[in-house]
Amino acid sequence: MEVRVEGLTKRYGRVVALEAVSVTFVSGGLTAILGPSGCGKTTLLRSLAGFVAVDGGRVLFGGEDVTRLSPQARGTAMVFQNYALWPHMTVFDNVAYGLRLKKLPEADVRARVEKVLHLVEIGHLAGVMHRKPAELSGGQQQRVALARALVVEPRVLLMDEPLSNLDAKVRQRLRVEVRRLQKAVGITAIYVTHDQEEALAIADTVVLMDAGQVVQTGSPQEIYFRPGSAFAAEFLGVSNQLRGTAEAGALAIGGQRLPYSGSVRGPATLIFKATDASLARGEASAGPGEAVLRGTLEECLFLGAAYRHYVRVEGETVMVDAAEPVAPGPVTLRLPAAKLQVYAAPEAGE
């Protein structure tokens, strides 16, 4: 089912949480709402669920205006960050709760609970239906929370940072399961997260938000490789920013000049990702399709999969990731010209 919001606005006193937000969530797709803390992503999700009464705009499910409907009447199901399982109930009773509210026959309840527990891959555990939540691991509790949401066959599945309370390895395993489940059921799913790796890994579409507005919408590849603004370019990936001045044919970064053929003129921000640059000891010239910046390597940290180098360039620190460490001292950053992103920067004092 397609979900659409049109001009959605929500204020908390003088704080504007949502400012005329308009976005479409594709039917049967998994859309991640991504952004920094306080950007409005959870308010948007709770507005879709009906937990937040909006001040303006509309929410439509498949063309039906549900803006003024109660949460129960919208046909959504929510998976929360803290699982929200009833601690005094067994796994079976937690998952069956929504079905019993609908007064389904007990035989149908049992059949559907057993089916969905196998779908989330915990139905095979001995005695799992009779366990209490405290007897389960965090990952198992989250699977129960997913089962409880799916068993009622909602029109739209809403997830509010559902994996953030889990450790890194469990998160990585469960994000695959979330995507598998969503595709298996074919439900429209909307997933809020502040973790960009998680959003890029599981989503068909990413909605990037900042300051109560949608900044950019597109596939994970589109917003990562073709960011539409300086905010998007800086937020996605481990990115570096350097202030400079753009003119015809050159971008001046402090006392250094890089070849530049873009349209920005005047104060500018150069953005590049830590994985895009490479390092050479001492001074080195640019190769074909490259630009270079000279700086001083001050620190190198081992991250496991790579070494992160902290380089001082014209008074600013930038990060460069590499498979092998480079010793501190004078270095040259080689930058693929095609991956450099230049955006207009505000004049000083604006």
Protein backbone atom coordinates (compact mmCIF):
# COMPACT_ATOMS: atom_id res chain seq x y z
CA MET A 1 0.00 0.00 0.00
CA GLU A 2 1.35 3.41 -0.96
CA VAL A 3 1.69 5.88 1.91
CA ARG A 4 1.79 9.59 1.14
CA VAL A 5 2.14 12.69 3.28
CA GLU A 6 1.31 16.12 1.92
CA GLY A 7 2.48 19.32 3.59
CA LEU A 8 2.72 17.70 7.02
CA THR A 9 3.43 20.25 9.77
CA LYS A 10 3.90 19.72 13.51
CA ARG A 11 4.92 22.29 16.12
CA TYR A 12 5.78 21.92 19.78
CA GLY A 13 5.42 25.47 21.02
CA ARG A 14 8.00 27.48 19.09
CA VAL A 15 9.82 24.37 17.90
CA VAL A 16 8.90 23.24 14.39
CA ALA A 17 9.32 19.45 14.34
CA LEU A 18 7.92 19.02 10.82
CA GLU A 19 7.81 21.82 8.28
CA ALA A 20 5.47 21.19 5.32
CA VAL A 21 6.86 17.69 4.73
CA SER A 22 5.70 15.97 1.55
CA VAL A 23 6.97 12.50 0.66
CA THR A 24 5.69 9.24 -0.85
CA PHE A 25 6.51 5.80 0.56
CA VAL A 26 6.36 3.21 -2.21
CA SER A 27 3.92 0.34 -1.89
CA GLY A 28 5.64 -2.90 -0.87
CA GLY A 29 8.99 -1.17 -0.35
CA LEU A 30 11.21 -0.68 2.66
CA THR A 31 11.88 3.03 3.18
CA ALA A 32 14.40 4.25 5.75
CA ILE A 33 13.96 7.70 7.28
CA LEU A 34 17.47 8.84 8.13
CA GLY A 35 18.86 11.92 9.79
CA PRO A 36 20.59 13.37 12.86
CA SER A 37 18.97 13.54 16.29
CA GLY A 38 16.18 16.10 16.42
CA CYS A 39 15.62 16.19 12.65
CA GLY A 40 11.96 15.15 12.90
CA LYS A 41 12.17 11.54 11.72
CA THR A 42 10.48 10.00 14.76
CA THR A 43 7.81 12.71 14.76
CA LEU A 44 7.10 11.85 11.12
CA LEU A 45 6.82 8.14 11.94
CA ARG A 46 4.54 8.75 14.91
CA SER A 47 2.39 11.04 12.74
CA LEU A 48 1.95 8.16 10.30
CA ALA A 49 0.96 5.88 13.19
CA GLY A 50 -1.54 8.40 14.55
CA PHE A 51 0.28 8.84 17.86
CA VAL A 52 0.95 12.52 17.05
CA ALA A 53 -1.81 14.91 16.02
CA VAL A 54 -0.40 17.11 13.24
CA ASP A 55 -1.05 20.85 12.90
CA GLY A 56 -1.37 20.78 9.12
CA GLY A 57 -1.20 18.60 6.05
CA ARG A 58 -2.54 15.13 5.27
CA VAL A 59 -1.60 11.48 5.69
CA LEU A 60 -2.94 9.13 3.01
CA PHE A 61 -2.88 5.33 2.95
CA GLY A 62 -3.60 4.08 -0.55
CA GLY A 63 -5.45 7.30 -1.34
CA GLU A 64 -7.53 7.16 1.87
CA ASP A 65 -7.14 10.22 4.11
CA VAL A 66 -6.31 8.84 7.57
CA THR A 67 -5.08 12.11 9.08
CA ARG A 68 -7.83 12.26 11.72
CA LEU A 69 -8.19 8.51 12.30
CA SER A 70 -7.11 6.92 15.58
CA PRO A 71 -4.05 4.64 15.60
CA GLN A 72 -6.30 1.58 15.91
CA ALA A 73 -8.29 2.57 12.82
CA ARG A 74 -5.26 3.06 10.56
CA GLY A 75 -4.21 -0.57 10.31
CA THR A 76 -0.55 0.01 11.18
CA ALA A 77 1.74 -1.91 13.51
CA MET A 78 4.73 -0.41 15.31
CA VAL A 79 8.01 -2.04 16.37
CA PHE A 80 9.65 0.05 19.08
CA GLN A 81 13.25 0.59 20.08
CA ASN A 82 12.70 -0.95 23.53
CA TYR A 83 10.66 -3.93 22.19
CA ALA A 84 7.67 -3.00 24.47
CA LEU A 85 6.92 -6.64 25.30
CA TRP A 86 4.70 -7.35 28.30
CA PRO A 87 7.07 -8.91 30.85
CA HIS A 88 4.34 -10.90 32.66
CA MET A 89 3.14 -12.57 29.44
CA THR A 90 4.64 -15.53 27.62
CA VAL A 91 5.97 -15.20 24.09
CA PHE A 92 2.76 -16.80 22.81
CA ASP A 93 0.53 -14.37 24.70
CA ASN A 94 2.59 -11.36 23.61
CA VAL A 95 2.31 -12.31 19.94
CA ALA A 96 -1.33 -13.37 20.23
CA TYR A 97 -2.46 -10.20 22.00
CA GLY A 98 -3.57 -8.29 18.90
CA LEU A 99 -5.38 -11.31 17.47
CA ARG A 100 -7.29 -11.85 20.70
CA LEU A 101 -8.37 -8.20 20.66
CA LYS A 102 -9.94 -9.00 17.29
CA LYS A 103 -11.71 -11.95 18.97
CA LEU A 104 -10.38 -14.55 16.53
CA PRO A 105 -11.06 -18.23 17.36
CA GLU A 106 -8.31 -19.65 19.55
CA ALA A 107 -7.40 -22.29 16.95
CA ASP A 108 -6.80 -19.54 14.37
CA VAL A 109 -4.78 -17.56 16.92
CA ARG A 110 -2.52 -20.52 17.63
CA ALA A 111 -2.00 -21.30 13.94
CA ARG A 112 -1.10 -17.70 13.09
CA VAL A 113 1.23 -17.29 16.09
CA GLU A 114 3.08 -20.51 15.26
CA LYS A 115 3.38 -19.45 11.62
CA VAL A 116 4.80 -16.02 12.37
CA LEU A 117 7.24 -17.31 15.00
CA HIS A 118 8.68 -19.61 12.36
CA LEU A 119 8.77 -16.69 9.93
CA VAL A 120 10.98 -14.72 12.34
CA GLU A 121 13.04 -17.88 12.88
CA ILE A 122 12.53 -18.53 16.59
CA GLY A 123 9.62 -20.98 16.34
CA HIS A 124 12.04 -23.92 16.38
CA LEU A 125 13.39 -23.07 19.86
CA ALA A 126 12.29 -25.61 22.45
CA GLY A 127 9.50 -24.23 24.61
CA VAL A 128 9.86 -20.72 23.21
CA MET A 129 6.13 -19.98 23.23
CA HIS A 130 5.98 -20.56 27.00
CA ARG A 131 9.00 -18.40 27.89
CA LYS A 132 8.78 -14.91 29.35
CA PRO A 133 10.65 -12.04 27.64
CA ALA A 134 13.26 -11.97 30.42
CA GLU A 135 14.27 -15.50 29.44
CA LEU A 136 15.18 -14.40 25.91
CA SER A 137 18.23 -12.64 24.50
CA GLY A 138 17.87 -9.11 23.15
CA GLY A 139 17.87 -10.39 19.58
CA GLN A 140 15.19 -12.96 20.38
CA GLN A 141 13.05 -10.31 22.09
CA GLN A 142 13.24 -8.14 19.00
CA ARG A 143 12.15 -11.09 16.84
CA VAL A 144 9.14 -11.52 19.13
CA ALA A 145 8.36 -7.81 18.75
CA LEU A 146 8.52 -8.20 14.96
CA ALA A 147 6.28 -11.28 15.15
CA ARG A 148 3.72 -9.41 17.24
CA ALA A 149 3.62 -6.62 14.66
CA LEU A 150 3.37 -8.94 11.65
CA VAL A 151 0.81 -11.39 13.04
CA VAL A 152 -2.03 -8.86 12.82
CA GLU A 153 -1.30 -8.40 9.09
CA PRO A 154 -1.06 -4.60 9.19
CA ARG A 155 -1.43 -2.41 6.13
CA VAL A 156 1.80 -0.62 7.02
CA LEU A 157 4.69 -1.73 9.25
CA LEU A 158 6.40 1.09 11.18
CA MET A 159 9.75 0.60 12.92
CA ASP A 160 11.33 3.15 15.26
CA GLU A 161 15.07 2.40 15.58
CA PRO A 162 14.22 -1.25 16.32
CA LEU A 163 17.83 -2.50 16.49
CA SER A 164 19.57 0.33 18.36
CA ASN A 165 19.53 -1.46 21.74
CA LEU A 166 21.38 -4.51 20.38
CA ASP A 167 25.12 -5.06 20.17
CA ALA A 168 26.87 -4.54 16.84
CA LYS A 169 27.03 -8.19 15.70
CA VAL A 170 23.38 -8.88 16.54
CA ARG A 171 22.35 -5.66 14.75
CA GLN A 172 24.17 -6.73 11.61
CA ARG A 173 22.48 -10.15 11.63
CA LEU A 174 19.02 -8.81 12.39
CA ARG A 175 19.10 -6.07 9.76
CA VAL A 176 19.37 -8.86 7.18
CA GLU A 177 16.41 -10.59 8.81
CA VAL A 178 14.33 -7.41 8.80
CA ARG A 179 14.88 -7.02 5.07
CA ARG A 180 14.18 -10.73 4.44
CA LEU A 181 10.95 -10.58 6.41
CA GLN A 182 9.75 -7.42 4.69
CA LYS A 183 10.36 -8.91 1.26
CA ALA A 184 8.78 -12.24 2.23
CA VAL A 185 5.60 -10.56 3.49
CA GLY A 186 5.58 -7.85 0.81
CA ILE A 187 4.41 -5.20 3.25
CA THR A 188 5.04 -1.46 3.01
CA ALA A 189 7.61 -0.80 5.74
CA ILE A 190 8.91 2.51 7.07
CA TYR A 191 12.04 2.31 9.20
CA VAL A 192 13.47 5.17 11.28
CA THR A 193 17.17 5.13 12.09
CA HIS A 194 20.06 7.48 12.79
CA ASP A 195 22.51 4.77 11.64
CA GLN A 196 23.40 5.54 8.03
CA GLU A 197 25.05 2.16 7.43
CA GLU A 198 21.85 0.44 8.54
CA ALA A 199 19.69 2.64 6.31
CA LEU A 200 21.89 2.16 3.26
CA ALA A 201 22.11 -1.60 3.82
CA ILE A 202 18.44 -2.50 4.13
CA ALA A 203 16.37 0.18 2.40
CA ASP A 204 14.97 0.35 -1.11
CA THR A 205 14.54 4.10 -0.63
CA VAL A 206 16.13 6.52 1.83
CA VAL A 207 14.42 9.71 3.00
CA LEU A 208 17.09 12.03 4.42
CA MET A 209 15.81 14.64 6.88
CA ASP A 210 17.27 17.69 8.59
CA ALA A 211 15.65 20.38 10.75
CA GLY A 212 12.12 19.11 10.17
CA GLN A 213 12.41 18.95 6.39
CA VAL A 214 13.10 16.30 3.77
CA VAL A 215 16.51 17.09 2.30
CA GLN A 216 16.70 14.34 -0.30
CA THR A 217 14.90 11.15 -1.33
CA GLY A 218 16.34 8.38 -3.47
CA SER A 219 17.90 4.95 -3.56
CA PRO A 220 20.80 4.34 -1.15
CA GLN A 221 23.21 4.55 -4.09
CA GLU A 222 21.73 7.82 -5.34
CA ILE A 223 21.92 9.72 -2.09
CA TYR A 224 25.39 8.35 -1.25
CA PHE A 225 27.07 8.91 -4.60
CA ARG A 226 24.98 11.86 -5.81
CA PRO A 227 24.12 13.97 -2.75
CA GLY A 228 21.96 16.95 -3.58
CA SER A 229 23.31 19.32 -0.93
CA ALA A 230 26.30 20.01 1.27
CA PHE A 231 24.38 18.58 4.23
CA ALA A 232 23.71 15.30 2.41
CA ALA A 233 27.30 15.04 1.20
CA GLU A 234 28.72 15.67 4.66
CA PHE A 235 26.22 13.49 6.56
CA LEU A 236 26.63 10.34 4.48
CA GLY A 237 29.83 8.38 4.91
CA VAL A 238 32.90 9.55 6.84
CA SER A 239 33.25 12.90 5.13
CA ASN A 240 35.63 15.83 5.26
CA GLN A 241 34.89 19.51 4.73
CA LEU A 242 37.33 22.22 3.69
CA ARG A 243 36.38 25.84 3.15
CA GLY A 244 37.77 27.65 0.13
CA THR A 245 37.03 29.97 -2.76
CA ALA A 246 35.88 28.79 -6.19
CA GLU A 247 36.69 30.65 -9.36
CA ALA A 248 36.84 29.79 -13.03
CA GLY A 249 39.30 26.93 -13.39
CA ALA A 250 40.49 26.72 -9.78
CA LEU A 251 39.41 26.06 -6.21
CA ALA A 252 41.61 27.79 -3.62
CA ILE A 253 41.97 26.00 -0.27
CA GLY A 254 44.07 28.32 1.84
CA GLY A 255 47.30 28.77 -0.09
CA GLN A 256 46.71 25.73 -2.32
CA ARG A 257 44.88 25.60 -5.63
CA LEU A 258 43.02 22.65 -7.12
CA PRO A 259 41.78 22.43 -10.70
CA TYR A 260 38.03 23.09 -10.80
CA SER A 261 35.51 23.14 -13.64
CA GLY A 262 32.21 23.46 -11.78
CA SER A 263 29.73 26.31 -11.70
CA VAL A 264 30.10 27.47 -8.06
CA ARG A 265 31.80 30.84 -7.65
CA GLY A 266 32.93 32.56 -4.48
CA PRO A 267 32.95 31.03 -0.98
CA ALA A 268 32.75 27.27 -1.33
CA THR A 269 32.85 24.04 0.66
CA LEU A 270 34.88 21.12 -0.64
CA ILE A 271 33.60 17.74 0.58
CA PHE A 272 35.24 14.36 0.07
CA LYS A 273 34.98 11.01 1.83
CA ALA A 274 37.71 9.39 3.90
CA THR A 275 37.64 6.36 1.61
CA ASP A 276 38.08 8.42 -1.58
CA ALA A 277 41.49 9.94 -0.80
CA SER A 278 44.88 8.24 -0.73
CA LEU A 279 48.13 9.27 0.94
CA ALA A 280 51.70 9.61 -0.30
CA ARG A 281 54.69 10.45 1.88
CA GLY A 282 56.19 13.88 1.28
CA GLU A 283 55.32 15.87 -1.84
CA ALA A 284 53.79 14.13 -4.84
CA SER A 285 52.32 15.41 -8.07
CA ALA A 286 48.78 14.76 -9.29
CA GLY A 287 48.20 11.86 -11.64
CA PRO A 288 45.63 11.80 -14.45
CA GLY A 289 42.19 12.73 -13.15
CA GLU A 290 43.55 13.66 -9.71
CA ALA A 291 43.86 16.73 -7.53
CA VAL A 292 46.31 16.96 -4.66
CA LEU A 293 46.44 18.68 -1.28
CA ARG A 294 49.52 18.86 0.91
CA GLY A 295 49.36 18.52 4.66
CA THR A 296 50.87 17.01 7.79
CA LEU A 297 49.88 13.59 9.08
CA GLU A 298 49.41 13.92 12.84
CA GLU A 299 47.81 10.66 13.97
CA CYS A 300 46.95 7.17 12.72
CA LEU A 301 44.41 4.91 14.42
CA PHE A 302 43.78 1.22 13.71
CA LEU A 303 40.04 0.55 13.16
CA GLY A 304 40.28 -3.17 12.37
CA ALA A 305 39.35 -3.14 8.70
CA ALA A 306 41.45 -0.04 7.94
CA TYR A 307 43.77 2.59 9.36
CA ARG A 308 42.32 6.09 9.81
CA HIS A 309 44.80 8.90 9.25
CA TYR A 310 44.26 12.40 10.62
CA VAL A 311 45.88 14.99 8.38
CA ARG A 312 46.21 18.72 9.03
CA VAL A 313 45.46 20.68 5.84
CA GLU A 314 45.42 24.48 5.89
CA GLY A 315 44.48 24.60 9.56
CA GLU A 316 41.76 21.91 9.34
CA THR A 317 41.88 18.18 10.15
CA VAL A 318 40.71 15.70 7.52
CA MET A 319 40.46 11.91 7.70
CA VAL A 320 41.84 9.41 5.18
CA ASP A 321 41.28 5.65 5.43
CA ALA A 322 43.84 3.22 4.05
CA ALA A 323 44.63 -0.49 4.27
CA GLU A 324 48.17 0.20 5.54
CA PRO A 325 49.44 2.79 8.03
CA VAL A 326 51.47 5.82 6.96
CA ALA A 327 54.01 7.37 9.33
CA PRO A 328 53.42 10.89 10.68
CA GLY A 329 54.97 13.79 8.81
CA PRO A 330 54.49 15.72 5.56
CA VAL A 331 52.10 13.96 3.16
CA THR A 332 50.19 14.52 -0.06
CA LEU A 333 46.50 13.70 -0.35
CA ARG A 334 45.58 12.38 -3.78
CA LEU A 335 41.93 13.07 -4.55
CA PRO A 336 40.02 11.67 -7.57
CA ALA A 337 38.70 14.81 -9.26
CA ALA A 338 35.44 13.05 -10.20
CA LYS A 339 34.61 12.41 -6.53
CA LEU A 340 35.21 15.93 -5.25
CA GLN A 341 32.00 17.72 -4.34
CA VAL A 342 31.91 21.51 -4.22
CA TYR A 343 28.99 23.48 -2.82
CA ALA A 344 28.39 27.20 -2.37
CA ALA A 345 29.12 28.31 1.20
CA PRO A 346 27.51 31.30 2.92
CA GLU A 347 29.47 34.51 3.09
CA ALA A 348 31.18 35.19 6.41
CA GLY A 349 28.69 36.70 8.84
CA GLU A 350 25.56 35.39 7.08
